[in-house]
Amino acid sequence: MFDPLEILLFTFWTIFVVYATWYFTSAKHYAPLTYTEAKILWSIHKQSVKCNSKKWKPIKRGNKIVGYECECGYKHVQKRPLVSNTPLPTVHQGKMENNVFNKLHTSYE
């Protein structure tokens, strides 16, 4: 009924589609945090869970902080997808103000 080559190609494409879907949706890597960001995340954890701990320690990968560990045992590690959209460049406020100023203060003769 089916040629063995057709079955092999169908299997290959199915595996490829499943892997590509996993790669683009689930695969993640560590996102570095600053010390103050980790401390703020820890204080949010304390407030939301009503945690009574007084200390936390940063979780490091290499030389960068990627999360924190609370004294109560909670661990938070910041991760982001391998493939993500880059943020659009922001417009510099000075140029925009000058542009609006020029539009409002031009004389049409």
PDB file of N, CA and C in Angstrom:
ATOM      1  N   MET A   1       0.826  -1.189   0.000  1.00  0.00           N
ATOM      2  CA  MET A   1       0.000   0.000   0.000  1.00  0.00           C
ATOM      3  C   MET A   1       0.874   1.257   0.000  1.00  0.00           C
ATOM      4  N   PHE A   2       1.741   1.422   1.038  1.00  0.00           N
ATOM      5  CA  PHE A   2       2.657   2.553   1.075  1.00  0.00           C
ATOM      6  C   PHE A   2       4.076   2.052   0.835  1.00  0.00           C
ATOM      7  N   ASP A   3       4.781   2.835   0.087  1.00  0.00           N
ATOM      8  CA  ASP A   3       6.181   2.533  -0.179  1.00  0.00           C
ATOM      9  C   ASP A   3       7.000   2.811   1.093  1.00  0.00           C
ATOM     10  N   PRO A   4       7.994   2.020   1.408  1.00  0.00           N
ATOM     11  CA  PRO A   4       8.802   2.276   2.615  1.00  0.00           C
ATOM     12  C   PRO A   4       9.450   3.661   2.604  1.00  0.00           C
ATOM     13  N   LEU A   5       9.775   4.175   1.440  1.00  0.00           N
ATOM     14  CA  LEU A   5      10.356   5.516   1.347  1.00  0.00           C
ATOM     15  C   LEU A   5       9.340   6.572   1.772  1.00  0.00           C
ATOM     16  N   GLU A   6       8.077   6.386   1.385  1.00  0.00           N
ATOM     17  CA  GLU A   6       7.034   7.329   1.792  1.00  0.00           C
ATOM     18  C   GLU A   6       6.838   7.325   3.295  1.00  0.00           C
ATOM     19  N   ILE A   7       6.878   6.155   3.886  1.00  0.00           N
ATOM     20  CA  ILE A   7       6.731   6.050   5.338  1.00  0.00           C
ATOM     21  C   ILE A   7       7.910   6.719   6.029  1.00  0.00           C
ATOM     22  N   LEU A   8       9.101   6.527   5.512  1.00  0.00           N
ATOM     23  CA  LEU A   8      10.299   7.129   6.084  1.00  0.00           C
ATOM     24  C   LEU A   8      10.251   8.654   5.981  1.00  0.00           C
ATOM     25  N   LEU A   9       9.839   9.178   4.826  1.00  0.00           N
ATOM     26  CA  LEU A   9       9.741  10.630   4.659  1.00  0.00           C
ATOM     27  C   LEU A   9       8.673  11.220   5.574  1.00  0.00           C
ATOM     28  N   PHE A  10       7.537  10.549   5.688  1.00  0.00           N
ATOM     29  CA  PHE A  10       6.472  11.032   6.576  1.00  0.00           C
ATOM     30  C   PHE A  10       6.964  11.071   8.026  1.00  0.00           C
ATOM     31  N   THR A  11       7.677  10.041   8.441  1.00  0.00           N
ATOM     32  CA  THR A  11       8.222   9.978   9.801  1.00  0.00           C
ATOM     33  C   THR A  11       9.237  11.096  10.018  1.00  0.00           C
ATOM     34  N   PHE A  12      10.115  11.299   9.042  1.00  0.00           N
ATOM     35  CA  PHE A  12      11.122  12.355   9.146  1.00  0.00           C
ATOM     36  C   PHE A  12      10.468  13.718   9.299  1.00  0.00           C
ATOM     37  N   TRP A  13       9.496  14.052   8.467  1.00  0.00           N
ATOM     38  CA  TRP A  13       8.834  15.353   8.529  1.00  0.00           C
ATOM     39  C   TRP A  13       8.054  15.527   9.826  1.00  0.00           C
ATOM     40  N   THR A  14       7.445  14.474  10.310  1.00  0.00           N
ATOM     41  CA  THR A  14       6.718  14.558  11.575  1.00  0.00           C
ATOM     42  C   THR A  14       7.668  14.870  12.720  1.00  0.00           C
ATOM     43  N   ILE A  15       8.794  14.162  12.756  1.00  0.00           N
ATOM     44  CA  ILE A  15       9.789  14.417  13.801  1.00  0.00           C
ATOM     45  C   ILE A  15      10.339  15.835  13.678  1.00  0.00           C
ATOM     46  N   PHE A  16      10.603  16.278  12.472  1.00  0.00           N
ATOM     47  CA  PHE A  16      11.123  17.626  12.256  1.00  0.00           C
ATOM     48  C   PHE A  16      10.142  18.692  12.733  1.00  0.00           C
ATOM     49  N   VAL A  17       8.857  18.532  12.418  1.00  0.00           N
ATOM     50  CA  VAL A  17       7.845  19.514  12.822  1.00  0.00           C
ATOM     51  C   VAL A  17       7.698  19.546  14.347  1.00  0.00           C
ATOM     52  N   VAL A  18       7.712  18.386  14.974  1.00  0.00           N
ATOM     53  CA  VAL A  18       7.609  18.330  16.434  1.00  0.00           C
ATOM     54  C   VAL A  18       8.826  18.996  17.070  1.00  0.00           C
ATOM     55  N   TYR A  19      10.019  18.721  16.574  1.00  0.00           N
ATOM     56  CA  TYR A  19      11.233  19.335  17.116  1.00  0.00           C
ATOM     57  C   TYR A  19      11.227  20.848  16.901  1.00  0.00           C
ATOM     58  N   ALA A  20      10.853  21.300  15.718  1.00  0.00           N
ATOM     59  CA  ALA A  20      10.826  22.738  15.437  1.00  0.00           C
ATOM     60  C   ALA A  20       9.815  23.440  16.343  1.00  0.00           C
ATOM     61  N   THR A  21       8.669  22.823  16.556  1.00  0.00           N
ATOM     62  CA  THR A  21       7.675  23.411  17.450  1.00  0.00           C
ATOM     63  C   THR A  21       8.215  23.507  18.866  1.00  0.00           C
ATOM     64  N   TRP A  22       8.869  22.456  19.340  1.00  0.00           N
ATOM     65  CA  TRP A  22       9.462  22.496  20.672  1.00  0.00           C
ATOM     66  C   TRP A  22      10.533  23.573  20.758  1.00  0.00           C
ATOM     67  N   TYR A  23      11.389  23.650  19.767  1.00  0.00           N
ATOM     68  CA  TYR A  23      12.502  24.593  19.778  1.00  0.00           C
ATOM     69  C   TYR A  23      12.007  26.031  19.845  1.00  0.00           C
ATOM     70  N   PHE A  24      11.003  26.361  19.038  1.00  0.00           N
ATOM     71  CA  PHE A  24      10.540  27.741  18.972  1.00  0.00           C
ATOM     72  C   PHE A  24       9.607  28.117  20.113  1.00  0.00           C
ATOM     73  N   THR A  25       9.080  27.158  20.854  1.00  0.00           N
ATOM     74  CA  THR A  25       8.157  27.504  21.930  1.00  0.00           C
ATOM     75  C   THR A  25       8.692  27.194  23.318  1.00  0.00           C
ATOM     76  N   SER A  26       9.430  26.134  23.492  1.00  0.00           N
ATOM     77  CA  SER A  26       9.809  25.707  24.837  1.00  0.00           C
ATOM     78  C   SER A  26      11.271  25.895  25.185  1.00  0.00           C
ATOM     79  N   ALA A  27      12.147  25.819  24.235  1.00  0.00           N
ATOM     80  CA  ALA A  27      13.571  25.912  24.533  1.00  0.00           C
ATOM     81  C   ALA A  27      13.893  27.315  25.051  1.00  0.00           C
ATOM     82  N   LYS A  28      14.591  27.379  26.187  1.00  0.00           N
ATOM     83  CA  LYS A  28      14.870  28.669  26.808  1.00  0.00           C
ATOM     84  C   LYS A  28      16.313  28.731  27.279  1.00  0.00           C
ATOM     85  N   HIS A  29      16.773  29.957  27.504  1.00  0.00           N
ATOM     86  CA  HIS A  29      18.094  30.141  28.084  1.00  0.00           C
ATOM     87  C   HIS A  29      17.996  31.173  29.204  1.00  0.00           C
ATOM     88  N   TYR A  30      19.010  31.235  30.036  1.00  0.00           N
ATOM     89  CA  TYR A  30      18.982  32.118  31.181  1.00  0.00           C
ATOM     90  C   TYR A  30      19.059  33.572  30.747  1.00  0.00           C
ATOM     91  N   ALA A  31      18.253  34.418  31.407  1.00  0.00           N
ATOM     92  CA  ALA A  31      18.276  35.854  31.153  1.00  0.00           C
ATOM     93  C   ALA A  31      18.924  36.531  32.356  1.00  0.00           C
ATOM     94  N   PRO A  32      19.976  37.288  32.148  1.00  0.00           N
ATOM     95  CA  PRO A  32      20.661  37.907  33.283  1.00  0.00           C
ATOM     96  C   PRO A  32      19.813  38.994  33.945  1.00  0.00           C
ATOM     97  N   LEU A  33      19.971  39.100  35.251  1.00  0.00           N
ATOM     98  CA  LEU A  33      19.302  40.127  36.052  1.00  0.00           C
ATOM     99  C   LEU A  33      20.352  40.972  36.744  1.00  0.00           C
ATOM    100  N   THR A  34      19.976  42.182  37.096  1.00  0.00           N
ATOM    101  CA  THR A  34      20.852  42.979  37.942  1.00  0.00           C
ATOM    102  C   THR A  34      20.565  42.620  39.394  1.00  0.00           C
ATOM    103  N   TYR A  35      21.434  43.040  40.270  1.00  0.00           N
ATOM    104  CA  TYR A  35      21.265  42.759  41.696  1.00  0.00           C
ATOM    105  C   TYR A  35      19.967  43.378  42.211  1.00  0.00           C
ATOM    106  N   THR A  36      19.681  44.605  41.793  1.00  0.00           N
ATOM    107  CA  THR A  36      18.467  45.278  42.272  1.00  0.00           C
ATOM    108  C   THR A  36      17.206  44.615  41.719  1.00  0.00           C
ATOM    109  N   GLU A  37      17.240  44.142  40.471  1.00  0.00           N
ATOM    110  CA  GLU A  37      16.082  43.432  39.922  1.00  0.00           C
ATOM    111  C   GLU A  37      15.805  42.151  40.696  1.00  0.00           C
ATOM    112  N   ALA A  38      16.848  41.418  41.038  1.00  0.00           N
ATOM    113  CA  ALA A  38      16.675  40.191  41.817  1.00  0.00           C
ATOM    114  C   ALA A  38      16.117  40.511  43.198  1.00  0.00           C
ATOM    115  N   LYS A  39      16.593  41.589  43.787  1.00  0.00           N
ATOM    116  CA  LYS A  39      16.101  41.980  45.107  1.00  0.00           C
ATOM    117  C   LYS A  39      14.637  42.405  45.044  1.00  0.00           C
ATOM    118  N   ILE A  40      14.250  43.104  44.014  1.00  0.00           N
ATOM    119  CA  ILE A  40      12.849  43.507  43.846  1.00  0.00           C
ATOM    120  C   ILE A  40      11.961  42.282  43.634  1.00  0.00           C
ATOM    121  N   LEU A  41      12.417  41.337  42.821  1.00  0.00           N
ATOM    122  CA  LEU A  41      11.647  40.107  42.623  1.00  0.00           C
ATOM    123  C   LEU A  41      11.496  39.345  43.938  1.00  0.00           C
ATOM    124  N   TRP A  42      12.534  39.336  44.761  1.00  0.00           N
ATOM    125  CA  TRP A  42      12.461  38.669  46.053  1.00  0.00           C
ATOM    126  C   TRP A  42      11.461  39.364  46.972  1.00  0.00           C
ATOM    127  N   SER A  43      11.462  40.700  46.954  1.00  0.00           N
ATOM    128  CA  SER A  43      10.505  41.412  47.814  1.00  0.00           C
ATOM    129  C   SER A  43       9.070  41.199  47.328  1.00  0.00           C
ATOM    130  N   ILE A  44       8.865  41.070  46.026  1.00  0.00           N
ATOM    131  CA  ILE A  44       7.537  40.748  45.497  1.00  0.00           C
ATOM    132  C   ILE A  44       7.126  39.353  45.955  1.00  0.00           C
ATOM    133  N   HIS A  45       8.059  38.418  45.937  1.00  0.00           N
ATOM    134  CA  HIS A  45       7.787  37.066  46.429  1.00  0.00           C
ATOM    135  C   HIS A  45       7.377  37.115  47.900  1.00  0.00           C
ATOM    136  N   LYS A  46       8.106  37.887  48.714  1.00  0.00           N
ATOM    137  CA  LYS A  46       7.790  37.986  50.138  1.00  0.00           C
ATOM    138  C   LYS A  46       6.392  38.537  50.366  1.00  0.00           C
ATOM    139  N   GLN A  47       6.012  39.548  49.589  1.00  0.00           N
ATOM    140  CA  GLN A  47       4.705  40.165  49.771  1.00  0.00           C
ATOM    141  C   GLN A  47       3.574  39.270  49.286  1.00  0.00           C
ATOM    142  N   SER A  48       3.769  38.619  48.146  1.00  0.00           N
ATOM    143  CA  SER A  48       2.675  37.839  47.564  1.00  0.00           C
ATOM    144  C   SER A  48       2.430  36.532  48.314  1.00  0.00           C
ATOM    145  N   VAL A  49       3.476  35.933  48.876  1.00  0.00           N
ATOM    146  CA  VAL A  49       3.331  34.653  49.562  1.00  0.00           C
ATOM    147  C   VAL A  49       3.311  34.839  51.080  1.00  0.00           C
ATOM    148  N   LYS A  50       3.541  36.070  51.512  1.00  0.00           N
ATOM    149  CA  LYS A  50       3.660  36.382  52.948  1.00  0.00           C
ATOM    150  C   LYS A  50       4.770  35.554  53.591  1.00  0.00           C
ATOM    151  N   CYS A  51       5.922  35.596  52.965  1.00  0.00           N
ATOM    152  CA  CYS A  51       7.102  34.862  53.413  1.00  0.00           C
ATOM    153  C   CYS A  51       7.775  35.639  54.542  1.00  0.00           C
ATOM    154  N   ASN A  52       8.207  34.939  55.598  1.00  0.00           N
ATOM    155  CA  ASN A  52       8.830  35.586  56.758  1.00  0.00           C
ATOM    156  C   ASN A  52      10.351  35.567  56.723  1.00  0.00           C
ATOM    157  N   SER A  53      10.935  35.126  55.638  1.00  0.00           N
ATOM    158  CA  SER A  53      12.399  35.014  55.593  1.00  0.00           C
ATOM    159  C   SER A  53      13.042  36.398  55.517  1.00  0.00           C
ATOM    160  N   LYS A  54      14.248  36.469  56.008  1.00  0.00           N
ATOM    161  CA  LYS A  54      14.986  37.738  56.050  1.00  0.00           C
ATOM    162  C   LYS A  54      16.131  37.794  55.049  1.00  0.00           C
ATOM    163  N   LYS A  55      16.530  36.644  54.524  1.00  0.00           N
ATOM    164  CA  LYS A  55      17.699  36.605  53.638  1.00  0.00           C
ATOM    165  C   LYS A  55      17.352  35.947  52.315  1.00  0.00           C
ATOM    166  N   TRP A  56      18.119  36.289  51.311  1.00  0.00           N
ATOM    167  CA  TRP A  56      18.045  35.658  49.998  1.00  0.00           C
ATOM    168  C   TRP A  56      19.447  35.631  49.440  1.00  0.00           C
ATOM    169  N   LYS A  57      19.677  34.747  48.496  1.00  0.00           N
ATOM    170  CA  LYS A  57      20.996  34.720  47.860  1.00  0.00           C
ATOM    171  C   LYS A  57      20.805  34.610  46.347  1.00  0.00           C
ATOM    172  N   PRO A  58      21.639  35.296  45.613  1.00  0.00           N
ATOM    173  CA  PRO A  58      21.512  35.256  44.153  1.00  0.00           C
ATOM    174  C   PRO A  58      21.957  33.910  43.582  1.00  0.00           C
ATOM    175  N   ILE A  59      21.283  33.479  42.527  1.00  0.00           N
ATOM    176  CA  ILE A  59      21.690  32.283  41.779  1.00  0.00           C
ATOM    177  C   ILE A  59      22.486  32.784  40.584  1.00  0.00           C
ATOM    178  N   LYS A  60      23.695  32.298  40.441  1.00  0.00           N
ATOM    179  CA  LYS A  60      24.566  32.765  39.364  1.00  0.00           C
ATOM    180  C   LYS A  60      24.866  31.649  38.385  1.00  0.00           C
ATOM    181  N   ARG A  61      24.952  32.002  37.127  1.00  0.00           N
ATOM    182  CA  ARG A  61      25.437  31.117  36.066  1.00  0.00           C
ATOM    183  C   ARG A  61      26.606  31.856  35.431  1.00  0.00           C
ATOM    184  N   GLY A  62      27.783  31.332  35.646  1.00  0.00           N
ATOM    185  CA  GLY A  62      28.973  32.046  35.194  1.00  0.00           C
ATOM    186  C   GLY A  62      29.200  33.225  36.124  1.00  0.00           C
ATOM    187  N   ASN A  63      29.247  34.403  35.556  1.00  0.00           N
ATOM    188  CA  ASN A  63      29.479  35.614  36.332  1.00  0.00           C
ATOM    189  C   ASN A  63      28.225  36.467  36.443  1.00  0.00           C
ATOM    190  N   LYS A  64      27.081  35.967  35.959  1.00  0.00           N
ATOM    191  CA  LYS A  64      25.864  36.769  35.917  1.00  0.00           C
ATOM    192  C   LYS A  64      24.807  36.205  36.849  1.00  0.00           C
ATOM    193  N   ILE A  65      24.017  37.096  37.423  1.00  0.00           N
ATOM    194  CA  ILE A  65      22.904  36.699  38.277  1.00  0.00           C
ATOM    195  C   ILE A  65      21.727  36.354  37.370  1.00  0.00           C
ATOM    196  N   VAL A  66      21.151  35.146  37.547  1.00  0.00           N
ATOM    197  CA  VAL A  66      20.012  34.725  36.721  1.00  0.00           C
ATOM    198  C   VAL A  66      18.766  34.459  37.570  1.00  0.00           C
ATOM    199  N   GLY A  67      18.876  34.623  38.878  1.00  0.00           N
ATOM    200  CA  GLY A  67      17.730  34.396  39.744  1.00  0.00           C
ATOM    201  C   GLY A  67      18.108  34.572  41.197  1.00  0.00           C
ATOM    202  N   TYR A  68      17.214  34.091  42.072  1.00  0.00           N
ATOM    203  CA  TYR A  68      17.484  34.172  43.496  1.00  0.00           C
ATOM    204  C   TYR A  68      16.911  32.948  44.202  1.00  0.00           C
ATOM    205  N   GLU A  69      17.445  32.682  45.391  1.00  0.00           N
ATOM    206  CA  GLU A  69      16.927  31.622  46.237  1.00  0.00           C
ATOM    207  C   GLU A  69      16.557  32.236  47.575  1.00  0.00           C
ATOM    208  N   CYS A  70      15.316  32.034  47.960  1.00  0.00           N
ATOM    209  CA  CYS A  70      14.816  32.579  49.217  1.00  0.00           C
ATOM    210  C   CYS A  70      15.196  31.637  50.363  1.00  0.00           C
ATOM    211  N   GLU A  71      15.224  32.176  51.570  1.00  0.00           N
ATOM    212  CA  GLU A  71      15.532  31.389  52.750  1.00  0.00           C
ATOM    213  C   GLU A  71      14.477  30.303  52.997  1.00  0.00           C
ATOM    214  N   CYS A  72      13.248  30.538  52.494  1.00  0.00           N
ATOM    215  CA  CYS A  72      12.169  29.568  52.688  1.00  0.00           C
ATOM    216  C   CYS A  72      12.282  28.375  51.741  1.00  0.00           C
ATOM    217  N   GLY A  73      13.199  28.446  50.771  1.00  0.00           N
ATOM    218  CA  GLY A  73      13.398  27.338  49.838  1.00  0.00           C
ATOM    219  C   GLY A  73      12.915  27.625  48.433  1.00  0.00           C
ATOM    220  N   TYR A  74      12.215  28.745  48.234  1.00  0.00           N
ATOM    221  CA  TYR A  74      11.714  29.094  46.903  1.00  0.00           C
ATOM    222  C   TYR A  74      12.873  29.549  46.020  1.00  0.00           C
ATOM    223  N   LYS A  75      12.897  29.054  44.785  1.00  0.00           N
ATOM    224  CA  LYS A  75      13.918  29.457  43.816  1.00  0.00           C
ATOM    225  C   LYS A  75      13.235  30.065  42.596  1.00  0.00           C
ATOM    226  N   HIS A  76      13.768  31.177  42.134  1.00  0.00           N
ATOM    227  CA  HIS A  76      13.277  31.801  40.912  1.00  0.00           C
ATOM    228  C   HIS A  76      14.455  31.955  39.963  1.00  0.00           C
ATOM    229  N   VAL A  77      14.328  31.392  38.768  1.00  0.00           N
ATOM    230  CA  VAL A  77      15.360  31.524  37.743  1.00  0.00           C
ATOM    231  C   VAL A  77      14.716  32.182  36.538  1.00  0.00           C
ATOM    232  N   GLN A  78      15.303  33.280  36.100  1.00  0.00           N
ATOM    233  CA  GLN A  78      14.764  34.040  34.976  1.00  0.00           C
ATOM    234  C   GLN A  78      15.215  33.394  33.670  1.00  0.00           C
ATOM    235  N   LYS A  79      14.246  32.991  32.845  1.00  0.00           N
ATOM    236  CA  LYS A  79      14.548  32.391  31.544  1.00  0.00           C
ATOM    237  C   LYS A  79      13.725  33.071  30.474  1.00  0.00           C
ATOM    238  N   ARG A  80      14.231  33.039  29.253  1.00  0.00           N
ATOM    239  CA  ARG A  80      13.469  33.563  28.122  1.00  0.00           C
ATOM    240  C   ARG A  80      13.656  32.628  26.938  1.00  0.00           C
ATOM    241  N   PRO A  81      12.721  32.658  25.987  1.00  0.00           N
ATOM    242  CA  PRO A  81      12.826  31.768  24.834  1.00  0.00           C
ATOM    243  C   PRO A  81      14.089  32.040  24.021  1.00  0.00           C
ATOM    244  N   LEU A  82      14.598  30.991  23.377  1.00  0.00           N
ATOM    245  CA  LEU A  82      15.769  31.156  22.521  1.00  0.00           C
ATOM    246  C   LEU A  82      15.460  32.083  21.361  1.00  0.00           C
ATOM    247  N   VAL A  83      14.273  31.948  20.827  1.00  0.00           N
ATOM    248  CA  VAL A  83      13.862  32.777  19.701  1.00  0.00           C
ATOM    249  C   VAL A  83      12.787  33.721  20.198  1.00  0.00           C
ATOM    250  N   SER A  84      13.090  34.999  20.199  1.00  0.00           N
ATOM    251  CA  SER A  84      12.098  35.983  20.615  1.00  0.00           C
ATOM    252  C   SER A  84      12.282  37.236  19.771  1.00  0.00           C
ATOM    253  N   ASN A  85      11.220  37.991  19.673  1.00  0.00           N
ATOM    254  CA  ASN A  85      11.282  39.230  18.904  1.00  0.00           C
ATOM    255  C   ASN A  85      12.119  40.248  19.659  1.00  0.00           C
ATOM    256  N   THR A  86      12.908  40.990  18.934  1.00  0.00           N
ATOM    257  CA  THR A  86      13.685  42.044  19.560  1.00  0.00           C
ATOM    258  C   THR A  86      12.791  43.266  19.697  1.00  0.00           C
ATOM    259  N   PRO A  87      12.965  44.043  20.746  1.00  0.00           N
ATOM    260  CA  PRO A  87      12.129  45.230  20.906  1.00  0.00           C
ATOM    261  C   PRO A  87      12.431  46.253  19.819  1.00  0.00           C
ATOM    262  N   LEU A  88      11.392  46.964  19.433  1.00  0.00           N
ATOM    263  CA  LEU A  88      11.560  47.990  18.418  1.00  0.00           C
ATOM    264  C   LEU A  88      12.366  49.146  18.988  1.00  0.00           C
ATOM    265  N   PRO A  89      13.172  49.791  18.160  1.00  0.00           N
ATOM    266  CA  PRO A  89      13.945  50.926  18.671  1.00  0.00           C
ATOM    267  C   PRO A  89      13.007  52.065  19.063  1.00  0.00           C
ATOM    268  N   THR A  90      13.308  52.696  20.175  1.00  0.00           N
ATOM    269  CA  THR A  90      12.466  53.787  20.642  1.00  0.00           C
ATOM    270  C   THR A  90      12.882  55.081  19.964  1.00  0.00           C
ATOM    271  N   VAL A  91      11.938  55.962  19.800  1.00  0.00           N
ATOM    272  CA  VAL A  91      12.200  57.258  19.190  1.00  0.00           C
ATOM    273  C   VAL A  91      12.761  58.170  20.267  1.00  0.00           C
ATOM    274  N   HIS A  92      13.841  58.835  19.961  1.00  0.00           N
ATOM    275  CA  HIS A  92      14.465  59.741  20.918  1.00  0.00           C
ATOM    276  C   HIS A  92      13.526  60.915  21.154  1.00  0.00           C
ATOM    277  N   GLN A  93      13.280  61.249  22.415  1.00  0.00           N
ATOM    278  CA  GLN A  93      12.320  62.286  22.759  1.00  0.00           C
ATOM    279  C   GLN A  93      12.744  63.652  22.219  1.00  0.00           C
ATOM    280  N   GLY A  94      14.012  63.946  22.227  1.00  0.00           N
ATOM    281  CA  GLY A  94      14.474  65.245  21.759  1.00  0.00           C
ATOM    282  C   GLY A  94      14.114  65.482  20.305  1.00  0.00           C
ATOM    283  N   LYS A  95      14.290  64.487  19.470  1.00  0.00           N
ATOM    284  CA  LYS A  95      13.964  64.622  18.055  1.00  0.00           C
ATOM    285  C   LYS A  95      12.470  64.786  17.871  1.00  0.00           C
ATOM    286  N   MET A  96      11.684  64.059  18.649  1.00  0.00           N
ATOM    287  CA  MET A  96      10.242  64.135  18.505  1.00  0.00           C
ATOM    288  C   MET A  96       9.735  65.503  18.936  1.00  0.00           C
ATOM    289  N   GLU A  97      10.278  66.037  20.037  1.00  0.00           N
ATOM    290  CA  GLU A  97       9.869  67.359  20.494  1.00  0.00           C
ATOM    291  C   GLU A  97      10.223  68.417  19.454  1.00  0.00           C
ATOM    292  N   ASN A  98      11.412  68.309  18.865  1.00  0.00           N
ATOM    293  CA  ASN A  98      11.801  69.267  17.835  1.00  0.00           C
ATOM    294  C   ASN A  98      10.894  69.160  16.628  1.00  0.00           C
ATOM    295  N   ASN A  99      10.535  67.943  16.269  1.00  0.00           N
ATOM    296  CA  ASN A  99       9.684  67.720  15.121  1.00  0.00           C
ATOM    297  C   ASN A  99       8.309  68.349  15.351  1.00  0.00           C
ATOM    298  N   VAL A 100       7.709  68.129  16.519  1.00  0.00           N
ATOM    299  CA  VAL A 100       6.403  68.705  16.843  1.00  0.00           C
ATOM    300  C   VAL A 100       6.516  70.221  16.916  1.00  0.00           C
ATOM    301  N   PHE A 101       7.578  70.702  17.530  1.00  0.00           N
ATOM    302  CA  PHE A 101       7.785  72.143  17.631  1.00  0.00           C
ATOM    303  C   PHE A 101       7.849  72.775  16.244  1.00  0.00           C
ATOM    304  N   ASN A 102       8.598  72.141  15.329  1.00  0.00           N
ATOM    305  CA  ASN A 102       8.715  72.695  13.974  1.00  0.00           C
ATOM    306  C   ASN A 102       7.386  72.660  13.227  1.00  0.00           C
ATOM    307  N   LYS A 103       6.591  71.631  13.444  1.00  0.00           N
ATOM    308  CA  LYS A 103       5.294  71.560  12.775  1.00  0.00           C
ATOM    309  C   LYS A 103       4.334  72.633  13.287  1.00  0.00           C
ATOM    310  N   LEU A 104       4.408  72.895  14.594  1.00  0.00           N
ATOM    311  CA  LEU A 104       3.505  73.892  15.176  1.00  0.00           C
ATOM    312  C   LEU A 104       3.939  75.321  14.902  1.00  0.00           C
ATOM    313  N   HIS A 105       5.207  75.549  14.695  1.00  0.00           N
ATOM    314  CA  HIS A 105       5.708  76.910  14.553  1.00  0.00           C
ATOM    315  C   HIS A 105       6.230  77.224  13.151  1.00  0.00           C
ATOM    316  N   THR A 106       5.686  76.602  12.171  1.00  0.00           N
ATOM    317  CA  THR A 106       6.082  76.968  10.810  1.00  0.00           C
ATOM    318  C   THR A 106       5.033  77.893  10.241  1.00  0.00           C
ATOM    319  N   SER A 107       5.484  78.840   9.467  1.00  0.00           N
ATOM    320  CA  SER A 107       4.525  79.768   8.859  1.00  0.00           C
ATOM    321  C   SER A 107       4.332  79.358   7.404  1.00  0.00           C
ATOM    322  N   TYR A 108       3.106  79.277   7.029  1.00  0.00           N
ATOM    323  CA  TYR A 108       2.789  78.934   5.659  1.00  0.00           C
ATOM    324  C   TYR A 108       2.409  80.219   4.947  1.00  0.00           C
ATOM    325  N   GLU A 109       3.245  80.658   4.057  1.00  0.00           N
ATOM    326  CA  GLU A 109       2.995  81.926   3.357  1.00  0.00           C
ATOM    327  C   GLU A 109       2.533  81.699   1.959  1.00  0.00           C
TER     328      GLU A 109
END
